[in-house]
N, C-alpha and C. Protein backbone atom coordinates (compact mmCIF):
# COMPACT_ATOMS: atom_id res chain seq x y z
N MET A 1 20.97 -15.19 24.89
CA MET A 1 22.31 -15.71 25.02
C MET A 1 22.44 -16.42 26.36
N CYS A 2 23.09 -17.55 26.40
CA CYS A 2 23.20 -18.24 27.69
C CYS A 2 24.52 -18.99 27.83
N ASN A 3 25.39 -18.92 26.87
CA ASN A 3 26.64 -19.63 26.91
C ASN A 3 27.75 -18.68 27.37
N ILE A 4 28.41 -19.00 28.46
CA ILE A 4 29.45 -18.12 29.00
C ILE A 4 30.57 -17.88 28.00
N LYS A 5 30.92 -18.88 27.23
CA LYS A 5 32.01 -18.71 26.27
C LYS A 5 31.62 -17.73 25.17
N GLU A 6 30.37 -17.76 24.73
CA GLU A 6 29.89 -16.79 23.74
C GLU A 6 29.95 -15.37 24.32
N ILE A 7 29.53 -15.24 25.55
CA ILE A 7 29.54 -13.92 26.19
C ILE A 7 30.97 -13.42 26.37
N LEU A 8 31.87 -14.28 26.79
CA LEU A 8 33.27 -13.87 26.94
C LEU A 8 33.84 -13.38 25.61
N LYS A 9 33.51 -14.07 24.53
CA LYS A 9 34.02 -13.68 23.21
C LYS A 9 33.44 -12.35 22.75
N LYS A 10 32.20 -12.04 23.14
CA LYS A 10 31.55 -10.81 22.70
C LYS A 10 31.76 -9.65 23.67
N SER A 11 32.09 -9.93 24.91
CA SER A 11 32.29 -8.88 25.91
C SER A 11 33.54 -8.09 25.57
N SER A 12 33.42 -6.77 25.59
CA SER A 12 34.55 -5.93 25.20
C SER A 12 35.77 -6.14 26.10
N ILE A 13 35.56 -6.57 27.31
CA ILE A 13 36.71 -6.77 28.20
C ILE A 13 37.50 -8.04 27.87
N PHE A 14 36.85 -9.03 27.29
CA PHE A 14 37.51 -10.31 27.02
C PHE A 14 37.69 -10.60 25.54
N THR A 15 37.24 -9.72 24.67
CA THR A 15 37.24 -9.99 23.24
C THR A 15 38.63 -10.28 22.67
N SER A 16 39.67 -9.76 23.27
CA SER A 16 41.02 -9.96 22.74
C SER A 16 41.68 -11.24 23.25
N LEU A 17 41.00 -11.97 24.14
CA LEU A 17 41.59 -13.21 24.65
C LEU A 17 41.52 -14.32 23.60
N GLY A 18 42.51 -15.19 23.63
CA GLY A 18 42.53 -16.33 22.72
C GLY A 18 41.57 -17.41 23.18
N GLU A 19 41.34 -18.37 22.32
CA GLU A 19 40.40 -19.47 22.60
C GLU A 19 40.79 -20.24 23.86
N GLU A 20 42.08 -20.47 24.06
CA GLU A 20 42.55 -21.21 25.24
C GLU A 20 42.21 -20.46 26.52
N ASP A 21 42.43 -19.14 26.52
CA ASP A 21 42.09 -18.33 27.70
C ASP A 21 40.58 -18.31 27.94
N ILE A 22 39.80 -18.22 26.86
CA ILE A 22 38.33 -18.25 26.97
C ILE A 22 37.89 -19.57 27.61
N GLN A 23 38.48 -20.67 27.17
CA GLN A 23 38.14 -21.98 27.72
C GLN A 23 38.47 -22.06 29.22
N ARG A 24 39.69 -21.62 29.57
CA ARG A 24 40.12 -21.68 30.98
C ARG A 24 39.27 -20.78 31.87
N LEU A 25 38.96 -19.60 31.37
CA LEU A 25 38.17 -18.65 32.15
C LEU A 25 36.71 -19.07 32.25
N GLY A 26 36.18 -19.59 31.15
CA GLY A 26 34.76 -19.96 31.10
C GLY A 26 34.34 -20.96 32.17
N ILE A 27 35.21 -21.90 32.48
CA ILE A 27 34.83 -22.92 33.47
C ILE A 27 34.81 -22.38 34.90
N LEU A 28 35.34 -21.18 35.11
CA LEU A 28 35.38 -20.59 36.45
C LEU A 28 34.09 -19.84 36.81
N PHE A 29 33.26 -19.56 35.81
CA PHE A 29 32.02 -18.80 36.03
C PHE A 29 30.87 -19.73 36.38
N GLU A 30 29.96 -19.23 37.21
CA GLU A 30 28.71 -19.95 37.49
C GLU A 30 27.54 -19.03 37.13
N LYS A 31 26.49 -19.61 36.60
CA LYS A 31 25.31 -18.83 36.19
C LYS A 31 24.39 -18.64 37.39
N ARG A 32 23.87 -17.41 37.53
CA ARG A 32 22.93 -17.09 38.61
C ARG A 32 21.73 -16.35 38.04
N GLU A 33 20.56 -16.77 38.44
CA GLU A 33 19.33 -16.07 38.06
C GLU A 33 19.21 -14.81 38.92
N ILE A 34 18.71 -13.73 38.33
CA ILE A 34 18.53 -12.48 39.07
C ILE A 34 17.09 -12.00 38.90
N ASN A 35 16.57 -11.34 39.93
CA ASN A 35 15.20 -10.86 39.94
C ASN A 35 15.16 -9.40 40.40
N PRO A 36 14.17 -8.64 39.92
CA PRO A 36 14.08 -7.24 40.32
C PRO A 36 14.14 -7.08 41.85
N GLY A 37 14.97 -6.13 42.27
CA GLY A 37 15.14 -5.87 43.70
C GLY A 37 16.32 -6.59 44.32
N ASP A 38 16.84 -7.63 43.66
CA ASP A 38 18.02 -8.32 44.18
C ASP A 38 19.19 -7.34 44.25
N ILE A 39 19.98 -7.45 45.29
CA ILE A 39 21.21 -6.67 45.44
C ILE A 39 22.37 -7.64 45.24
N LEU A 40 23.13 -7.45 44.18
CA LEU A 40 24.26 -8.33 43.90
C LEU A 40 25.50 -7.94 44.69
N ALA A 41 25.64 -6.64 44.95
CA ALA A 41 26.79 -6.15 45.70
C ALA A 41 26.41 -4.80 46.31
N THR A 42 27.04 -4.51 47.44
CA THR A 42 26.79 -3.24 48.13
C THR A 42 28.11 -2.49 48.28
N ALA A 43 28.09 -1.20 47.94
CA ALA A 43 29.29 -0.38 48.07
C ALA A 43 29.87 -0.50 49.47
N LYS A 44 31.18 -0.60 49.53
CA LYS A 44 31.99 -0.69 50.74
C LYS A 44 32.03 -2.09 51.35
N ASP A 45 31.24 -3.04 50.80
CA ASP A 45 31.35 -4.43 51.24
C ASP A 45 32.57 -5.06 50.57
N ALA A 46 33.09 -6.12 51.17
CA ALA A 46 34.22 -6.84 50.58
C ALA A 46 33.84 -7.33 49.19
N ALA A 47 34.70 -7.08 48.21
CA ALA A 47 34.47 -7.53 46.84
C ALA A 47 34.69 -9.03 46.76
N GLN A 48 33.65 -9.75 46.39
CA GLN A 48 33.75 -11.20 46.35
C GLN A 48 33.59 -11.78 44.95
N TYR A 49 32.85 -11.10 44.08
CA TYR A 49 32.57 -11.63 42.75
C TYR A 49 32.71 -10.56 41.68
N PHE A 50 33.01 -11.02 40.50
CA PHE A 50 32.96 -10.23 39.28
C PHE A 50 31.81 -10.82 38.47
N PHE A 51 31.00 -9.98 37.86
CA PHE A 51 29.81 -10.45 37.15
C PHE A 51 29.85 -10.06 35.68
N LEU A 52 29.32 -10.95 34.85
CA LEU A 52 29.07 -10.66 33.45
C LEU A 52 27.57 -10.80 33.25
N LEU A 53 26.96 -9.80 32.67
CA LEU A 53 25.51 -9.84 32.44
C LEU A 53 25.20 -10.77 31.28
N ASN A 54 24.27 -11.68 31.51
CA ASN A 54 23.76 -12.55 30.45
C ASN A 54 22.53 -11.88 29.83
N ASN A 55 21.56 -11.58 30.68
CA ASN A 55 20.37 -10.84 30.25
C ASN A 55 19.74 -10.20 31.48
N GLY A 56 18.83 -9.26 31.25
CA GLY A 56 18.23 -8.52 32.34
C GLY A 56 18.80 -7.11 32.39
N THR A 57 18.53 -6.41 33.49
CA THR A 57 19.01 -5.04 33.66
C THR A 57 19.50 -4.85 35.08
N ILE A 58 20.65 -4.21 35.21
CA ILE A 58 21.25 -3.95 36.53
C ILE A 58 21.60 -2.47 36.63
N LEU A 59 21.28 -1.89 37.77
CA LEU A 59 21.65 -0.51 38.07
C LEU A 59 22.94 -0.55 38.88
N LEU A 60 23.95 0.13 38.39
CA LEU A 60 25.23 0.26 39.07
C LEU A 60 25.25 1.67 39.65
N ALA A 61 25.07 1.79 40.98
CA ALA A 61 24.96 3.10 41.63
C ALA A 61 26.18 3.37 42.49
N MET A 62 26.69 4.60 42.38
CA MET A 62 27.85 5.03 43.15
C MET A 62 27.42 5.94 44.28
N ASP A 63 28.24 6.03 45.30
CA ASP A 63 27.94 6.88 46.45
C ASP A 63 27.68 8.33 46.07
N GLU A 64 28.35 8.80 45.05
CA GLU A 64 28.26 10.20 44.65
C GLU A 64 26.94 10.53 43.96
N GLY A 65 26.01 9.58 43.89
CA GLY A 65 24.72 9.81 43.25
C GLY A 65 24.73 9.56 41.76
N LYS A 66 25.84 9.11 41.22
CA LYS A 66 25.95 8.79 39.80
C LYS A 66 25.63 7.33 39.60
N SER A 67 25.11 7.01 38.41
CA SER A 67 24.75 5.61 38.15
C SER A 67 24.85 5.29 36.67
N VAL A 68 24.86 4.00 36.40
CA VAL A 68 24.88 3.48 35.04
C VAL A 68 23.90 2.31 35.01
N VAL A 69 23.12 2.22 33.93
CA VAL A 69 22.23 1.09 33.74
C VAL A 69 22.90 0.14 32.75
N LEU A 70 23.04 -1.11 33.15
CA LEU A 70 23.65 -2.13 32.31
C LEU A 70 22.57 -3.09 31.84
N ASN A 71 22.46 -3.28 30.53
CA ASN A 71 21.42 -4.16 30.00
C ASN A 71 21.82 -4.88 28.73
N THR A 72 23.11 -4.95 28.46
CA THR A 72 23.61 -5.62 27.27
C THR A 72 24.39 -6.86 27.67
N ALA A 73 24.09 -7.99 27.03
CA ALA A 73 24.83 -9.21 27.31
C ALA A 73 26.33 -8.94 27.17
N GLY A 74 27.08 -9.33 28.17
CA GLY A 74 28.52 -9.10 28.17
C GLY A 74 28.95 -7.89 28.97
N ASP A 75 27.99 -7.03 29.40
CA ASP A 75 28.36 -5.94 30.30
C ASP A 75 28.98 -6.55 31.54
N PHE A 76 30.02 -5.95 32.03
CA PHE A 76 30.71 -6.52 33.19
C PHE A 76 30.65 -5.58 34.37
N ILE A 77 30.62 -6.20 35.53
CA ILE A 77 30.34 -5.47 36.75
C ILE A 77 31.24 -6.01 37.87
N GLY A 78 31.81 -5.10 38.64
CA GLY A 78 32.54 -5.52 39.83
C GLY A 78 34.03 -5.66 39.66
N LEU A 79 34.60 -5.03 38.63
CA LEU A 79 36.03 -5.19 38.44
C LEU A 79 36.85 -4.47 39.50
N GLU A 80 36.20 -3.67 40.32
CA GLU A 80 36.93 -3.04 41.41
C GLU A 80 37.43 -4.08 42.42
N LEU A 81 37.01 -5.33 42.24
CA LEU A 81 37.53 -6.38 43.11
C LEU A 81 39.03 -6.51 42.96
N LEU A 82 39.60 -5.92 41.92
CA LEU A 82 41.04 -5.94 41.74
C LEU A 82 41.74 -4.80 42.45
N SER A 83 40.96 -3.84 42.96
CA SER A 83 41.58 -2.68 43.59
C SER A 83 42.28 -3.08 44.89
N PRO A 84 43.27 -2.32 45.28
CA PRO A 84 44.01 -2.64 46.50
C PRO A 84 43.13 -2.71 47.75
N LYS A 85 42.05 -1.96 47.78
CA LYS A 85 41.19 -1.95 48.96
C LYS A 85 40.23 -3.13 49.00
N GLU A 86 40.07 -3.85 47.87
CA GLU A 86 39.27 -5.07 47.81
C GLU A 86 37.83 -4.88 48.24
N VAL A 87 37.25 -3.72 47.97
CA VAL A 87 35.85 -3.48 48.30
C VAL A 87 35.12 -2.98 47.05
N TYR A 88 33.81 -3.25 47.02
CA TYR A 88 33.00 -2.73 45.93
C TYR A 88 32.88 -1.22 46.07
N LYS A 89 32.94 -0.52 44.96
CA LYS A 89 32.76 0.93 44.93
C LYS A 89 31.33 1.29 44.57
N THR A 90 30.55 0.29 44.17
CA THR A 90 29.19 0.53 43.69
C THR A 90 28.22 -0.45 44.34
N THR A 91 26.94 -0.08 44.27
CA THR A 91 25.88 -1.00 44.68
C THR A 91 25.21 -1.47 43.40
N LEU A 92 25.02 -2.77 43.28
CA LEU A 92 24.43 -3.37 42.09
C LEU A 92 23.03 -3.87 42.41
N THR A 93 22.03 -3.24 41.82
CA THR A 93 20.64 -3.59 42.06
C THR A 93 20.01 -4.08 40.76
N VAL A 94 19.34 -5.21 40.83
CA VAL A 94 18.68 -5.78 39.65
C VAL A 94 17.38 -5.02 39.40
N LEU A 95 17.22 -4.54 38.16
CA LEU A 95 16.01 -3.84 37.76
C LEU A 95 15.06 -4.72 36.95
N ALA A 96 15.61 -5.65 36.18
CA ALA A 96 14.78 -6.54 35.35
C ALA A 96 15.33 -7.96 35.42
N LYS A 97 14.42 -8.90 35.49
CA LYS A 97 14.75 -10.33 35.60
C LYS A 97 15.71 -10.76 34.50
N GLY A 98 16.61 -11.65 34.88
CA GLY A 98 17.57 -12.18 33.92
C GLY A 98 18.55 -13.11 34.60
N SER A 99 19.80 -13.05 34.15
CA SER A 99 20.84 -13.86 34.76
C SER A 99 22.20 -13.22 34.54
N VAL A 100 23.11 -13.58 35.42
CA VAL A 100 24.50 -13.15 35.33
C VAL A 100 25.38 -14.38 35.46
N PHE A 101 26.61 -14.23 35.01
CA PHE A 101 27.64 -15.21 35.30
C PHE A 101 28.56 -14.58 36.31
N ALA A 102 28.88 -15.32 37.37
CA ALA A 102 29.71 -14.80 38.45
C ALA A 102 30.99 -15.63 38.56
N ILE A 103 32.08 -14.94 38.85
CA ILE A 103 33.35 -15.61 39.10
C ILE A 103 33.88 -15.10 40.44
N PRO A 104 34.29 -16.00 41.32
CA PRO A 104 34.84 -15.55 42.60
C PRO A 104 36.10 -14.70 42.41
N ARG A 105 36.25 -13.73 43.25
CA ARG A 105 37.39 -12.80 43.21
C ARG A 105 38.72 -13.53 43.14
N LEU A 106 38.94 -14.49 44.02
CA LEU A 106 40.23 -15.17 44.07
C LEU A 106 40.50 -15.98 42.81
N ASP A 107 39.47 -16.57 42.22
CA ASP A 107 39.64 -17.32 40.97
C ASP A 107 40.04 -16.38 39.84
N PHE A 108 39.40 -15.21 39.79
CA PHE A 108 39.71 -14.25 38.74
C PHE A 108 41.14 -13.72 38.91
N LEU A 109 41.51 -13.41 40.15
CA LEU A 109 42.87 -12.94 40.41
C LEU A 109 43.91 -14.00 40.02
N ALA A 110 43.63 -15.25 40.35
CA ALA A 110 44.56 -16.33 39.99
C ALA A 110 44.70 -16.43 38.47
N PHE A 111 43.59 -16.29 37.74
CA PHE A 111 43.63 -16.36 36.29
C PHE A 111 44.52 -15.27 35.71
N ILE A 112 44.32 -14.02 36.14
CA ILE A 112 45.11 -12.94 35.55
C ILE A 112 46.56 -12.96 36.02
N GLN A 113 46.82 -13.52 37.19
CA GLN A 113 48.20 -13.60 37.67
C GLN A 113 48.98 -14.66 36.91
N GLU A 114 48.28 -15.66 36.38
CA GLU A 114 48.94 -16.71 35.59
C GLU A 114 49.37 -16.22 34.22
N ASP A 115 48.69 -15.21 33.70
CA ASP A 115 48.91 -14.80 32.32
C ASP A 115 48.94 -13.27 32.23
N SER A 116 50.14 -12.71 32.22
CA SER A 116 50.26 -11.25 32.22
C SER A 116 49.76 -10.64 30.91
N VAL A 117 49.83 -11.37 29.80
CA VAL A 117 49.32 -10.86 28.53
C VAL A 117 47.80 -10.72 28.61
N ALA A 118 47.13 -11.75 29.13
CA ALA A 118 45.67 -11.69 29.29
C ALA A 118 45.30 -10.59 30.28
N ALA A 119 46.06 -10.47 31.35
CA ALA A 119 45.77 -9.44 32.36
C ALA A 119 45.88 -8.04 31.74
N ALA A 120 46.91 -7.80 30.96
CA ALA A 120 47.09 -6.49 30.33
C ALA A 120 45.94 -6.20 29.37
N ALA A 121 45.52 -7.20 28.60
CA ALA A 121 44.41 -7.01 27.66
C ALA A 121 43.12 -6.71 28.40
N ILE A 122 42.87 -7.42 29.48
CA ILE A 122 41.66 -7.21 30.27
C ILE A 122 41.66 -5.81 30.88
N MET A 123 42.78 -5.40 31.43
CA MET A 123 42.85 -4.09 32.08
C MET A 123 42.70 -2.94 31.08
N THR A 124 43.31 -3.08 29.92
CA THR A 124 43.17 -2.06 28.88
C THR A 124 41.72 -1.97 28.42
N ALA A 125 41.09 -3.11 28.18
CA ALA A 125 39.69 -3.13 27.75
C ALA A 125 38.78 -2.55 28.83
N TRP A 126 39.07 -2.87 30.10
CA TRP A 126 38.27 -2.33 31.20
C TRP A 126 38.35 -0.81 31.22
N GLN A 127 39.54 -0.26 31.08
CA GLN A 127 39.71 1.19 31.12
C GLN A 127 38.95 1.85 29.97
N GLU A 128 39.01 1.26 28.78
CA GLU A 128 38.29 1.80 27.63
C GLU A 128 36.78 1.75 27.85
N TYR A 129 36.31 0.63 28.39
CA TYR A 129 34.87 0.48 28.67
C TYR A 129 34.43 1.50 29.70
N LEU A 130 35.20 1.66 30.73
CA LEU A 130 34.88 2.62 31.79
C LEU A 130 34.79 4.04 31.23
N GLU A 131 35.74 4.42 30.41
CA GLU A 131 35.74 5.77 29.83
C GLU A 131 34.53 5.99 28.92
N LYS A 132 34.08 4.94 28.24
CA LYS A 132 32.93 5.05 27.34
C LYS A 132 31.61 4.99 28.08
N THR A 133 31.48 4.06 29.02
CA THR A 133 30.22 3.81 29.69
C THR A 133 29.97 4.74 30.87
N ALA A 134 31.00 5.01 31.64
CA ALA A 134 30.85 5.84 32.84
C ALA A 134 32.04 6.77 32.96
N PRO A 135 32.16 7.76 32.05
CA PRO A 135 33.33 8.63 32.06
C PRO A 135 33.53 9.37 33.37
N PHE A 136 32.45 9.62 34.09
CA PHE A 136 32.56 10.30 35.38
C PHE A 136 33.26 9.44 36.41
N ALA A 137 33.29 8.12 36.23
CA ALA A 137 33.87 7.20 37.21
C ALA A 137 35.39 7.20 37.18
N LYS A 138 36.00 7.59 36.06
CA LYS A 138 37.45 7.48 35.98
C LYS A 138 38.17 8.41 36.95
N ASN A 139 37.46 9.35 37.53
CA ASN A 139 38.08 10.25 38.49
C ASN A 139 37.86 9.82 39.94
N ILE A 140 37.09 8.77 40.15
CA ILE A 140 36.82 8.30 41.50
C ILE A 140 38.01 7.48 42.00
N GLU A 141 38.41 7.72 43.23
CA GLU A 141 39.58 7.06 43.81
C GLU A 141 39.52 5.55 43.61
N ASP A 142 40.64 4.98 43.17
CA ASP A 142 40.85 3.54 43.00
C ASP A 142 40.04 2.90 41.89
N VAL A 143 39.31 3.64 41.10
CA VAL A 143 38.57 3.00 40.02
C VAL A 143 39.48 2.74 38.83
N SER A 144 40.49 3.56 38.65
CA SER A 144 41.44 3.32 37.57
C SER A 144 42.29 2.12 37.97
N LEU A 145 41.89 0.97 37.48
CA LEU A 145 42.50 -0.28 37.91
C LEU A 145 43.86 -0.53 37.29
N LEU A 146 44.20 0.23 36.28
CA LEU A 146 45.52 0.03 35.69
C LEU A 146 46.61 0.34 36.73
N GLU A 147 46.28 1.17 37.71
CA GLU A 147 47.25 1.50 38.75
C GLU A 147 47.37 0.38 39.79
N SER A 148 46.49 -0.61 39.73
CA SER A 148 46.51 -1.70 40.70
C SER A 148 47.61 -2.70 40.44
N PHE A 149 48.17 -2.68 39.23
CA PHE A 149 49.16 -3.68 38.85
C PHE A 149 50.54 -3.10 38.77
């Protein structure tokens, strides 16, 4: 898979968005190649990007020693950029070569602030994904992003 619009349509966080929102959001992403050992984000650093996995494998590691391996096209990473503290809660390390689509924090914030319906759908989908993929994370301070709005 290599088309951002296809990934947005299949990603559980964006699946409920309409075609117009997919089009507007899709142009804000840039594709980046990733290689084993690359660090996409470091916990406690300023949150600058939100990522959607195209292909490859990424380890999402938390300070508490808990982690999640992401390896499915459409897995999303870095939504804590919406938290009030504006810092990453996880370290993202590439385990297998591939690519991600990245959107700058401010662009993503502008998109969701323009459309409260899209923002609500994204936040609901994020919470469901978090509970399914990393249920231990929902108790970590500021990870429940529904409280950010």
